[in-house]
Amino acid sequence: MRLIKVGFKKLKEDAILPVKAHPTDSGFDLFANEDVIIEPGGTTVVKTGVAIKLPPGYEAQVRPRSGITSKTKLRVQLGTIDQDYTGEIGIIVDNIAPHGRSVGYYGSYDCDTVSGAYKVKKGDRLAQLVIVPMPAVESYIIDELPVTDRGANGFGSTGY
């Protein structure tokens, strides 16, 4: 297996650089670089204070952490970082809690049990960053699509 090197730069002096908790982890933990309150039904881009340098032929994906998703109403949305992007990594987070409902508490993610708002604290591990190879792809125009058993049957067509 070929070793891929990825560079990280602190854009803020107090930012925490992405790290792998274990050498075999597929993703680097991403940390919030600010305190943010996310109201029920709200969406926020949480700053990390970090930028990335990817090698040619790779992208980075910001992905949810399973513990947060399974134990809170916070939802980290998948984000793509293109190989030539040099700006700050942001984490898109939704709070799917209904307004005015108690939704609990998980780790350092404080939840107001009256309003359902979550407070993400600076330094919280909020998402993971996975480095993914990108094949060289070129598009072309076609006149017809092949006939298949599935055809245009999409969402829910298999009964689920």
N, C-alpha and C. Protein backbone atom coordinates (compact mmCIF):
# COMPACT_ATOMS: atom_id res chain seq x y z
N MET A 1 0.85 -1.18 0.00
CA MET A 1 0.00 0.00 0.00
C MET A 1 0.89 1.24 0.00
N ARG A 2 0.58 2.16 -0.89
CA ARG A 2 1.37 3.38 -1.03
C ARG A 2 0.93 4.40 0.01
N LEU A 3 1.91 5.02 0.68
CA LEU A 3 1.64 6.04 1.68
C LEU A 3 1.28 7.35 1.00
N ILE A 4 0.15 7.93 1.37
CA ILE A 4 -0.30 9.21 0.85
C ILE A 4 -0.05 10.26 1.92
N LYS A 5 0.56 11.36 1.56
CA LYS A 5 0.82 12.43 2.52
C LYS A 5 -0.16 13.58 2.29
N VAL A 6 -0.74 14.04 3.39
CA VAL A 6 -1.71 15.14 3.37
C VAL A 6 -1.20 16.21 4.32
N GLY A 7 -1.18 17.46 3.85
CA GLY A 7 -0.69 18.56 4.69
C GLY A 7 -1.84 19.32 5.32
N PHE A 8 -1.67 19.70 6.59
CA PHE A 8 -2.65 20.53 7.28
C PHE A 8 -1.98 21.81 7.73
N LYS A 9 -2.70 22.92 7.66
CA LYS A 9 -2.19 24.21 8.10
C LYS A 9 -3.19 24.84 9.06
N LYS A 10 -2.67 25.33 10.19
CA LYS A 10 -3.51 26.08 11.12
C LYS A 10 -3.74 27.47 10.54
N LEU A 11 -4.99 27.84 10.38
CA LEU A 11 -5.34 29.19 9.95
C LEU A 11 -5.58 30.09 11.16
N LYS A 12 -5.84 29.46 12.28
CA LYS A 12 -6.02 30.15 13.56
C LYS A 12 -5.02 29.54 14.53
N GLU A 13 -4.38 30.35 15.33
CA GLU A 13 -3.34 29.87 16.24
C GLU A 13 -3.85 28.81 17.21
N ASP A 14 -5.11 28.92 17.63
CA ASP A 14 -5.66 27.99 18.61
C ASP A 14 -6.40 26.81 17.98
N ALA A 15 -6.31 26.65 16.67
CA ALA A 15 -6.97 25.52 16.00
C ALA A 15 -6.30 24.21 16.40
N ILE A 16 -7.09 23.15 16.39
CA ILE A 16 -6.56 21.81 16.66
C ILE A 16 -6.45 21.09 15.32
N LEU A 17 -5.25 20.63 15.00
CA LEU A 17 -5.05 19.93 13.73
C LEU A 17 -5.77 18.59 13.73
N PRO A 18 -6.28 18.16 12.57
CA PRO A 18 -6.94 16.85 12.48
C PRO A 18 -5.98 15.74 12.87
N VAL A 19 -6.51 14.75 13.59
CA VAL A 19 -5.70 13.61 14.03
C VAL A 19 -6.51 12.33 13.88
N LYS A 20 -5.78 11.23 13.76
CA LYS A 20 -6.41 9.91 13.80
C LYS A 20 -6.28 9.38 15.22
N ALA A 21 -7.38 8.91 15.79
CA ALA A 21 -7.35 8.35 17.14
C ALA A 21 -6.54 7.06 17.16
N HIS A 22 -6.61 6.29 16.08
CA HIS A 22 -5.88 5.03 15.94
C HIS A 22 -5.26 4.99 14.55
N PRO A 23 -4.08 4.41 14.41
CA PRO A 23 -3.42 4.40 13.09
C PRO A 23 -4.25 3.78 11.98
N THR A 24 -5.13 2.84 12.31
CA THR A 24 -5.92 2.17 11.27
C THR A 24 -7.27 2.86 10.99
N ASP A 25 -7.56 3.96 11.67
CA ASP A 25 -8.81 4.69 11.41
C ASP A 25 -8.83 5.19 9.97
N SER A 26 -10.00 5.20 9.37
CA SER A 26 -10.11 5.69 8.00
C SER A 26 -10.20 7.21 7.94
N GLY A 27 -10.58 7.84 9.06
CA GLY A 27 -10.74 9.29 9.05
C GLY A 27 -9.96 10.00 10.13
N PHE A 28 -9.64 11.26 9.85
CA PHE A 28 -9.03 12.16 10.83
C PHE A 28 -10.16 12.87 11.57
N ASP A 29 -10.07 12.98 12.88
CA ASP A 29 -11.05 13.74 13.64
C ASP A 29 -10.91 15.23 13.32
N LEU A 30 -12.05 15.89 13.11
CA LEU A 30 -12.09 17.34 12.90
C LEU A 30 -12.68 17.99 14.15
N PHE A 31 -12.09 19.10 14.56
CA PHE A 31 -12.47 19.77 15.80
C PHE A 31 -13.08 21.15 15.51
N ALA A 32 -14.10 21.50 16.26
CA ALA A 32 -14.70 22.84 16.17
C ALA A 32 -13.68 23.86 16.67
N ASN A 33 -13.60 25.00 16.00
CA ASN A 33 -12.71 26.08 16.42
C ASN A 33 -13.49 27.27 16.95
N GLU A 34 -14.75 27.02 17.30
CA GLU A 34 -15.60 28.09 17.83
C GLU A 34 -16.74 27.48 18.62
N ASP A 35 -17.29 28.27 19.54
CA ASP A 35 -18.52 27.89 20.21
C ASP A 35 -19.68 28.29 19.30
N VAL A 36 -20.61 27.37 19.09
CA VAL A 36 -21.75 27.64 18.21
C VAL A 36 -23.01 27.06 18.84
N ILE A 37 -24.07 27.82 18.82
CA ILE A 37 -25.38 27.30 19.24
C ILE A 37 -26.18 27.02 17.97
N ILE A 38 -26.68 25.80 17.87
CA ILE A 38 -27.47 25.39 16.71
C ILE A 38 -28.89 25.16 17.18
N GLU A 39 -29.78 26.03 16.76
CA GLU A 39 -31.19 25.97 17.16
C GLU A 39 -31.89 24.82 16.44
N PRO A 40 -33.00 24.31 17.00
CA PRO A 40 -33.77 23.27 16.31
C PRO A 40 -34.16 23.74 14.91
N GLY A 41 -33.97 22.87 13.94
CA GLY A 41 -34.28 23.21 12.56
C GLY A 41 -33.20 24.05 11.90
N GLY A 42 -32.15 24.39 12.64
CA GLY A 42 -31.09 25.25 12.11
C GLY A 42 -29.96 24.48 11.46
N THR A 43 -29.26 25.17 10.57
CA THR A 43 -28.07 24.64 9.92
C THR A 43 -26.96 25.66 10.09
N THR A 44 -25.78 25.19 10.44
CA THR A 44 -24.63 26.05 10.67
C THR A 44 -23.40 25.42 10.05
N VAL A 45 -22.51 26.25 9.54
CA VAL A 45 -21.19 25.79 9.13
C VAL A 45 -20.24 26.12 10.27
N VAL A 46 -19.72 25.08 10.92
CA VAL A 46 -18.82 25.25 12.05
C VAL A 46 -17.39 25.32 11.53
N LYS A 47 -16.67 26.35 11.93
CA LYS A 47 -15.29 26.55 11.47
C LYS A 47 -14.34 25.63 12.22
N THR A 48 -13.29 25.19 11.50
CA THR A 48 -12.26 24.34 12.10
C THR A 48 -10.96 25.08 12.34
N GLY A 49 -10.76 26.19 11.63
CA GLY A 49 -9.49 26.91 11.74
C GLY A 49 -8.34 26.22 11.04
N VAL A 50 -8.65 25.26 10.15
CA VAL A 50 -7.63 24.44 9.50
C VAL A 50 -7.88 24.40 8.00
N ALA A 51 -6.79 24.37 7.23
CA ALA A 51 -6.84 24.17 5.78
C ALA A 51 -6.05 22.90 5.45
N ILE A 52 -6.25 22.38 4.24
CA ILE A 52 -5.63 21.11 3.84
C ILE A 52 -4.94 21.26 2.49
N LYS A 53 -3.85 20.51 2.32
CA LYS A 53 -3.17 20.38 1.04
C LYS A 53 -3.25 18.92 0.65
N LEU A 54 -4.02 18.65 -0.39
CA LEU A 54 -4.22 17.28 -0.86
C LEU A 54 -3.27 16.98 -2.01
N PRO A 55 -2.85 15.72 -2.12
CA PRO A 55 -2.02 15.36 -3.27
C PRO A 55 -2.88 15.27 -4.53
N PRO A 56 -2.27 15.43 -5.70
CA PRO A 56 -3.03 15.30 -6.95
C PRO A 56 -3.75 13.96 -7.02
N GLY A 57 -5.00 13.99 -7.52
CA GLY A 57 -5.78 12.77 -7.69
C GLY A 57 -6.58 12.37 -6.46
N TYR A 58 -6.66 13.26 -5.45
CA TYR A 58 -7.39 12.95 -4.23
C TYR A 58 -8.36 14.06 -3.87
N GLU A 59 -9.42 13.68 -3.17
CA GLU A 59 -10.35 14.63 -2.56
C GLU A 59 -10.44 14.27 -1.09
N ALA A 60 -11.01 15.17 -0.29
CA ALA A 60 -11.30 14.88 1.11
C ALA A 60 -12.80 14.98 1.31
N GLN A 61 -13.34 14.11 2.15
CA GLN A 61 -14.76 14.13 2.47
C GLN A 61 -14.95 14.38 3.96
N VAL A 62 -15.74 15.39 4.29
CA VAL A 62 -16.13 15.64 5.67
C VAL A 62 -17.34 14.76 5.92
N ARG A 63 -17.24 13.89 6.93
CA ARG A 63 -18.29 12.92 7.21
C ARG A 63 -18.72 12.99 8.67
N PRO A 64 -19.91 12.47 8.96
CA PRO A 64 -20.37 12.44 10.35
C PRO A 64 -19.56 11.47 11.19
N ARG A 65 -19.56 11.70 12.49
CA ARG A 65 -19.07 10.73 13.47
C ARG A 65 -20.29 9.95 13.95
N SER A 66 -20.16 8.64 14.03
CA SER A 66 -21.33 7.81 14.33
C SER A 66 -21.90 8.06 15.72
N GLY A 67 -21.08 8.35 16.70
CA GLY A 67 -21.58 8.58 18.06
C GLY A 67 -22.49 9.78 18.15
N ILE A 68 -22.12 10.86 17.48
CA ILE A 68 -22.96 12.06 17.50
C ILE A 68 -24.29 11.79 16.81
N THR A 69 -24.23 11.13 15.67
CA THR A 69 -25.44 10.86 14.91
C THR A 69 -26.38 9.92 15.67
N SER A 70 -25.83 8.94 16.36
CA SER A 70 -26.68 7.96 17.03
C SER A 70 -27.21 8.45 18.38
N LYS A 71 -26.59 9.46 18.97
CA LYS A 71 -26.96 9.87 20.33
C LYS A 71 -27.49 11.29 20.45
N THR A 72 -27.51 12.03 19.35
CA THR A 72 -28.03 13.41 19.38
C THR A 72 -28.92 13.64 18.17
N LYS A 73 -29.46 14.83 18.09
CA LYS A 73 -30.22 15.26 16.91
C LYS A 73 -29.36 16.13 16.00
N LEU A 74 -28.03 16.13 16.22
CA LEU A 74 -27.12 16.84 15.33
C LEU A 74 -26.79 15.93 14.16
N ARG A 75 -26.78 16.50 12.96
CA ARG A 75 -26.46 15.75 11.75
C ARG A 75 -25.40 16.50 10.96
N VAL A 76 -24.20 15.91 10.90
CA VAL A 76 -23.14 16.46 10.06
C VAL A 76 -23.43 16.02 8.63
N GLN A 77 -23.43 16.97 7.73
CA GLN A 77 -23.70 16.67 6.33
C GLN A 77 -22.40 16.37 5.58
N LEU A 78 -22.48 15.45 4.64
CA LEU A 78 -21.31 15.12 3.83
C LEU A 78 -20.85 16.35 3.07
N GLY A 79 -19.56 16.60 3.11
CA GLY A 79 -18.98 17.73 2.38
C GLY A 79 -17.78 17.25 1.57
N THR A 80 -17.60 17.83 0.41
CA THR A 80 -16.48 17.47 -0.46
C THR A 80 -15.47 18.61 -0.50
N ILE A 81 -14.20 18.26 -0.35
CA ILE A 81 -13.12 19.22 -0.48
C ILE A 81 -12.32 18.82 -1.71
N ASP A 82 -12.37 19.66 -2.74
CA ASP A 82 -11.65 19.38 -3.97
C ASP A 82 -10.15 19.54 -3.76
N GLN A 83 -9.38 18.87 -4.61
CA GLN A 83 -7.93 18.82 -4.49
C GLN A 83 -7.29 20.21 -4.48
N ASP A 84 -7.84 21.17 -5.18
CA ASP A 84 -7.20 22.49 -5.26
C ASP A 84 -7.78 23.52 -4.29
N TYR A 85 -8.68 23.13 -3.39
CA TYR A 85 -9.26 24.05 -2.41
C TYR A 85 -8.26 24.30 -1.29
N THR A 86 -8.02 25.57 -1.00
CA THR A 86 -7.03 25.91 0.03
C THR A 86 -7.63 26.74 1.17
N GLY A 87 -8.94 26.87 1.20
CA GLY A 87 -9.59 27.64 2.26
C GLY A 87 -9.83 26.81 3.51
N GLU A 88 -10.50 27.43 4.48
CA GLU A 88 -10.78 26.78 5.75
C GLU A 88 -11.78 25.65 5.58
N ILE A 89 -11.53 24.54 6.25
CA ILE A 89 -12.46 23.42 6.27
C ILE A 89 -13.62 23.80 7.18
N GLY A 90 -14.83 23.66 6.66
CA GLY A 90 -16.03 23.91 7.45
C GLY A 90 -16.83 22.62 7.60
N ILE A 91 -17.58 22.54 8.68
CA ILE A 91 -18.40 21.36 8.95
C ILE A 91 -19.86 21.79 8.95
N ILE A 92 -20.64 21.28 8.00
CA ILE A 92 -22.06 21.63 7.89
C ILE A 92 -22.84 20.77 8.88
N VAL A 93 -23.54 21.44 9.82
CA VAL A 93 -24.25 20.71 10.87
C VAL A 93 -25.70 21.17 10.93
N ASP A 94 -26.63 20.20 10.91
CA ASP A 94 -28.06 20.46 11.08
C ASP A 94 -28.47 20.00 12.47
N ASN A 95 -29.42 20.70 13.07
CA ASN A 95 -30.07 20.25 14.30
C ASN A 95 -31.49 19.86 13.91
N ILE A 96 -31.76 18.56 13.90
CA ILE A 96 -33.07 18.09 13.46
C ILE A 96 -34.07 17.95 14.61
N ALA A 97 -33.69 18.44 15.80
CA ALA A 97 -34.60 18.37 16.94
C ALA A 97 -35.83 19.23 16.67
N PRO A 98 -37.01 18.75 17.11
CA PRO A 98 -38.20 19.58 16.99
C PRO A 98 -38.11 20.75 17.97
N HIS A 99 -38.72 21.86 17.64
CA HIS A 99 -38.71 23.03 18.50
C HIS A 99 -39.36 22.71 19.84
N GLY A 100 -38.73 23.17 20.93
CA GLY A 100 -39.32 23.06 22.24
C GLY A 100 -39.40 21.66 22.80
N ARG A 101 -38.50 20.77 22.39
CA ARG A 101 -38.53 19.39 22.88
C ARG A 101 -37.22 19.05 23.56
N SER A 102 -37.28 18.26 24.59
CA SER A 102 -36.08 17.75 25.26
C SER A 102 -35.48 16.67 24.37
N VAL A 103 -34.21 16.80 24.04
CA VAL A 103 -33.58 15.80 23.18
C VAL A 103 -32.32 15.20 23.79
N GLY A 104 -32.02 15.52 25.05
CA GLY A 104 -30.93 14.83 25.73
C GLY A 104 -29.59 15.50 25.67
N TYR A 105 -28.57 14.74 26.00
CA TYR A 105 -27.22 15.24 26.19
C TYR A 105 -26.25 14.17 25.75
N TYR A 106 -25.18 14.55 25.07
CA TYR A 106 -24.17 13.60 24.65
C TYR A 106 -22.80 14.24 24.80
N GLY A 107 -21.97 13.67 25.63
CA GLY A 107 -20.60 14.17 25.80
C GLY A 107 -20.60 15.64 26.14
N SER A 108 -19.84 16.41 25.39
CA SER A 108 -19.75 17.84 25.67
C SER A 108 -20.77 18.64 24.86
N TYR A 109 -21.63 17.96 24.13
CA TYR A 109 -22.63 18.66 23.33
C TYR A 109 -23.83 18.97 24.20
N ASP A 110 -23.84 20.16 24.78
CA ASP A 110 -24.93 20.57 25.65
C ASP A 110 -26.19 20.76 24.83
N CYS A 111 -27.29 20.28 25.36
CA CYS A 111 -28.57 20.48 24.72
C CYS A 111 -29.50 21.15 25.71
N ASP A 112 -30.11 22.23 25.30
CA ASP A 112 -31.12 22.89 26.12
C ASP A 112 -32.36 22.02 26.07
N THR A 113 -32.73 21.43 27.21
CA THR A 113 -33.83 20.48 27.23
C THR A 113 -35.20 21.14 27.07
N VAL A 114 -35.23 22.45 27.06
CA VAL A 114 -36.49 23.16 26.82
C VAL A 114 -36.62 23.52 25.35
N SER A 115 -35.56 24.14 24.79
CA SER A 115 -35.66 24.62 23.41
C SER A 115 -35.20 23.59 22.38
N GLY A 116 -34.34 22.64 22.77
CA GLY A 116 -33.78 21.69 21.82
C GLY A 116 -32.54 22.19 21.12
N ALA A 117 -32.03 23.38 21.52
CA ALA A 117 -30.81 23.92 20.92
C ALA A 117 -29.58 23.19 21.46
N TYR A 118 -28.60 22.97 20.59
CA TYR A 118 -27.34 22.36 20.99
C TYR A 118 -26.25 23.42 21.00
N LYS A 119 -25.32 23.28 21.94
CA LYS A 119 -24.14 24.13 21.95
C LYS A 119 -22.95 23.25 21.62
N VAL A 120 -22.32 23.54 20.50
CA VAL A 120 -21.07 22.89 20.14
C VAL A 120 -19.97 23.77 20.71
N LYS A 121 -19.05 23.16 21.44
CA LYS A 121 -17.99 23.93 22.10
C LYS A 121 -16.70 23.85 21.30
N LYS A 122 -15.95 24.93 21.35
CA LYS A 122 -14.63 24.97 20.74
C LYS A 122 -13.81 23.79 21.28
N GLY A 123 -13.21 23.01 20.38
CA GLY A 123 -12.42 21.85 20.77
C GLY A 123 -13.18 20.54 20.69
N ASP A 124 -14.51 20.60 20.47
CA ASP A 124 -15.29 19.36 20.32
C ASP A 124 -14.90 18.63 19.03
N ARG A 125 -14.79 17.30 19.11
CA ARG A 125 -14.62 16.48 17.91
C ARG A 125 -15.99 16.39 17.27
N LEU A 126 -16.14 16.95 16.10
CA LEU A 126 -17.47 17.10 15.52
C LEU A 126 -17.68 16.26 14.27
N ALA A 127 -16.62 15.98 13.52
CA ALA A 127 -16.76 15.26 12.25
C ALA A 127 -15.46 14.49 12.00
N GLN A 128 -15.44 13.79 10.88
CA GLN A 128 -14.20 13.13 10.46
C GLN A 128 -13.91 13.48 9.02
N LEU A 129 -12.63 13.45 8.68
CA LEU A 129 -12.16 13.80 7.35
C LEU A 129 -11.51 12.57 6.74
N VAL A 130 -12.07 12.11 5.61
CA VAL A 130 -11.58 10.90 4.94
C VAL A 130 -10.98 11.31 3.60
N ILE A 131 -9.78 10.83 3.31
CA ILE A 131 -9.09 11.12 2.06
C ILE A 131 -9.42 10.01 1.07
N VAL A 132 -9.86 10.41 -0.14
CA VAL A 132 -10.38 9.44 -1.11
C VAL A 132 -9.73 9.68 -2.48
N PRO A 133 -9.25 8.59 -3.13
CA PRO A 133 -8.70 8.75 -4.48
C PRO A 133 -9.81 9.07 -5.48
N MET A 134 -9.47 9.89 -6.45
CA MET A 134 -10.42 10.27 -7.49
C MET A 134 -9.91 9.76 -8.84
N PRO A 135 -10.69 8.95 -9.52
CA PRO A 135 -10.25 8.49 -10.84
C PRO A 135 -10.30 9.65 -11.84
N ALA A 136 -9.46 9.57 -12.84
CA ALA A 136 -9.52 10.55 -13.92
C ALA A 136 -10.78 10.23 -14.74
N VAL A 137 -11.68 11.20 -14.88
CA VAL A 137 -12.96 10.97 -15.55
C VAL A 137 -13.18 12.07 -16.58
N GLU A 138 -13.65 11.66 -17.73
CA GLU A 138 -13.99 12.61 -18.79
C GLU A 138 -15.42 12.33 -19.23
N SER A 139 -16.22 13.35 -19.39
CA SER A 139 -17.61 13.14 -19.81
C SER A 139 -17.73 13.21 -21.33
N TYR A 140 -18.80 12.62 -21.84
CA TYR A 140 -19.11 12.69 -23.26
C TYR A 140 -20.61 12.61 -23.43
N ILE A 141 -21.11 13.06 -24.55
CA ILE A 141 -22.55 13.09 -24.81
C ILE A 141 -22.95 11.80 -25.52
N ILE A 142 -24.10 11.24 -25.08
CA ILE A 142 -24.63 10.04 -25.74
C ILE A 142 -26.04 10.36 -26.26
N ASP A 143 -26.45 9.62 -27.27
CA ASP A 143 -27.77 9.83 -27.86
C ASP A 143 -28.84 8.96 -27.21
N GLU A 144 -28.44 7.78 -26.73
CA GLU A 144 -29.40 6.86 -26.13
C GLU A 144 -28.80 6.17 -24.92
N LEU A 145 -29.67 5.77 -24.01
CA LEU A 145 -29.24 4.97 -22.86
C LEU A 145 -29.59 3.51 -23.13
N PRO A 146 -28.80 2.59 -22.56
CA PRO A 146 -29.11 1.17 -22.79
C PRO A 146 -30.40 0.77 -22.10
N VAL A 147 -31.05 -0.25 -22.60
CA VAL A 147 -32.25 -0.80 -21.99
C VAL A 147 -31.80 -1.76 -20.89
N THR A 148 -32.37 -1.58 -19.68
CA THR A 148 -32.02 -2.45 -18.55
C THR A 148 -33.29 -2.92 -17.87
N ASP A 149 -33.18 -3.94 -17.02
CA ASP A 149 -34.34 -4.42 -16.25
C ASP A 149 -34.87 -3.32 -15.34
N ARG A 150 -34.01 -2.55 -14.74
CA ARG A 150 -34.42 -1.51 -13.80
C ARG A 150 -34.97 -0.29 -14.52
N GLY A 151 -34.35 0.07 -15.63
CA GLY A 151 -34.80 1.25 -16.37
C GLY A 151 -34.68 2.51 -15.53
N ALA A 152 -35.71 3.34 -15.53
CA ALA A 152 -35.71 4.61 -14.81
C ALA A 152 -36.29 4.49 -13.40
N ASN A 153 -36.59 3.25 -12.95
CA ASN A 153 -37.15 3.07 -11.61
C ASN A 153 -36.09 3.40 -10.58
N GLY A 154 -36.37 4.42 -9.77
CA GLY A 154 -35.39 4.92 -8.81
C GLY A 154 -35.81 4.74 -7.38
N PHE A 155 -35.93 5.84 -6.68
CA PHE A 155 -36.17 5.84 -5.23
C PHE A 155 -37.33 4.94 -4.86
N GLY A 156 -37.06 3.95 -4.02
CA GLY A 156 -38.09 3.06 -3.52
C GLY A 156 -38.52 1.97 -4.49
N SER A 157 -37.85 1.85 -5.61
CA SER A 157 -38.30 0.88 -6.62
C SER A 157 -38.06 -0.57 -6.22
N THR A 158 -37.20 -0.80 -5.21
CA THR A 158 -36.96 -2.18 -4.78
C THR A 158 -37.83 -2.57 -3.61
N GLY A 159 -38.73 -1.68 -3.19
CA GLY A 159 -39.66 -2.00 -2.11
C GLY A 159 -39.22 -1.48 -0.76
N TYR A 160 -38.12 -0.74 -0.69
CA TYR A 160 -37.63 -0.18 0.58
C TYR A 160 -37.71 1.32 0.58
